[in-house]
Amino acid sequence: MANALLSIQMIPKTNHGESVIPYVDQAIAIIKDSGLPYRVAPLETTMEGDLAELLQIVQRMHEAMIEAGCPGALSQIKISYNPQGASMEKLLEKYPDGK
């Protein structure tokens, strides 16, 4: 059972002011490839899983930005941790249409 939700907004630094969107897409692909439940929103992406595993994904995202040629990346992260269980579905159950 998942014990944490982690929302991340990744802001890659670029060398010449180019768009960060391709880099953000690459970071989201790392989340998708993890196989964990996730939800992309306009300003952040939320993942659900074991806290240690989620933090490893964040590390992989940052390493991928460097490998892609970014001189660095800034992330804003929010974590909800509950050893008894954490679920996006449970938190959003009263908002089925996202409204």
Protein backbone atom coordinates (compact mmCIF):
# COMPACT_ATOMS: atom_id res chain seq x y z
CA MET A 1 0.00 0.00 0.00
CA ALA A 2 1.22 3.49 -0.84
CA ASN A 3 2.23 5.57 2.14
CA ALA A 4 2.88 8.87 0.42
CA LEU A 5 1.83 11.34 -2.22
CA LEU A 6 4.52 13.52 -3.74
CA SER A 7 3.77 16.48 -5.99
CA ILE A 8 6.63 17.95 -7.97
CA GLN A 9 7.05 21.00 -10.14
CA MET A 10 10.34 20.69 -11.99
CA ILE A 11 11.93 23.79 -13.47
CA PRO A 12 14.98 22.83 -15.52
CA LYS A 13 17.61 25.48 -16.15
CA THR A 14 18.56 25.86 -19.80
CA ASN A 15 21.80 27.07 -21.31
CA HIS A 16 20.40 29.60 -23.76
CA GLY A 17 16.90 30.39 -22.53
CA GLU A 18 15.27 27.72 -24.68
CA SER A 19 11.89 26.25 -23.76
CA VAL A 20 11.86 23.96 -20.74
CA ILE A 21 8.85 21.98 -22.04
CA PRO A 22 10.86 19.18 -23.72
CA TYR A 23 12.79 18.70 -20.48
CA VAL A 24 9.63 18.67 -18.37
CA ASP A 25 8.17 16.09 -20.78
CA GLN A 26 11.27 13.96 -20.21
CA ALA A 27 10.85 14.27 -16.43
CA ILE A 28 7.19 13.22 -16.67
CA ALA A 29 8.26 10.23 -18.80
CA ILE A 30 10.45 9.08 -15.90
CA ILE A 31 7.40 9.19 -13.64
CA LYS A 32 5.32 7.30 -16.22
CA ASP A 33 8.04 4.65 -16.64
CA SER A 34 8.06 4.05 -12.88
CA GLY A 35 4.69 2.32 -13.17
CA LEU A 36 3.36 4.17 -10.13
CA PRO A 37 0.01 5.97 -10.17
CA TYR A 38 0.43 9.61 -11.15
CA ARG A 39 -1.59 12.60 -12.28
CA VAL A 40 -0.29 15.44 -14.42
CA ALA A 41 -1.76 18.87 -13.64
CA PRO A 42 -0.98 22.27 -15.19
CA LEU A 43 1.64 23.27 -12.61
CA GLU A 44 2.78 20.00 -11.04
CA THR A 45 2.61 16.23 -11.25
CA THR A 46 1.53 14.07 -8.31
CA MET A 47 2.76 10.52 -7.73
CA GLU A 48 1.53 7.89 -5.28
CA GLY A 49 3.77 5.25 -3.72
CA ASP A 50 6.30 4.42 -1.04
CA LEU A 51 8.07 7.58 0.12
CA ALA A 52 11.57 6.18 -0.41
CA GLU A 53 10.69 5.10 -3.96
CA LEU A 54 9.14 8.49 -4.75
CA LEU A 55 12.28 10.27 -3.59
CA GLN A 56 14.40 7.98 -5.80
CA ILE A 57 12.25 8.99 -8.78
CA VAL A 58 12.86 12.66 -7.97
CA GLN A 59 16.59 11.95 -7.91
CA ARG A 60 16.38 10.19 -11.30
CA MET A 61 14.46 13.17 -12.71
CA HIS A 62 17.20 15.58 -11.61
CA GLU A 63 19.97 13.33 -12.92
CA ALA A 64 18.15 13.08 -16.27
CA MET A 65 18.07 16.86 -16.58
CA ILE A 66 21.85 17.00 -16.20
CA GLU A 67 22.29 14.13 -18.68
CA ALA A 68 20.06 16.04 -21.14
CA GLY A 69 22.40 19.04 -20.97
CA CYS A 70 20.72 21.26 -18.40
CA PRO A 71 23.19 22.94 -16.06
CA GLY A 72 20.75 22.32 -13.19
CA ALA A 73 17.12 22.01 -12.19
CA LEU A 74 14.94 23.42 -9.44
CA SER A 75 12.07 21.43 -7.96
CA GLN A 76 9.27 22.43 -5.68
CA ILE A 77 8.02 19.37 -3.85
CA LYS A 78 5.05 18.70 -1.58
CA ILE A 79 4.80 15.44 0.33
CA SER A 80 1.87 13.91 2.16
CA TYR A 81 3.03 10.96 4.25
CA ASN A 82 0.81 8.57 6.18
CA PRO A 83 2.11 5.14 7.24
CA GLN A 84 -1.49 3.84 7.27
CA GLY A 85 -1.91 4.71 3.59
CA ALA A 86 -2.10 7.58 1.14
CA SER A 87 -4.21 7.77 -1.99
CA MET A 88 -4.95 10.37 -4.66
CA GLU A 89 -8.28 8.64 -5.24
CA LYS A 90 -9.29 9.03 -1.59
CA LEU A 91 -8.32 12.71 -1.49
CA LEU A 92 -10.18 13.45 -4.71
CA GLU A 93 -13.26 11.24 -4.26
CA LYS A 94 -15.60 14.21 -3.73
CA TYR A 95 -14.30 15.83 -6.96
CA PRO A 96 -14.93 13.10 -9.56
CA ASP A 97 -14.93 15.50 -12.49
CA GLY A 98 -12.01 17.54 -11.22
CA LYS A 99 -14.26 20.55 -10.69
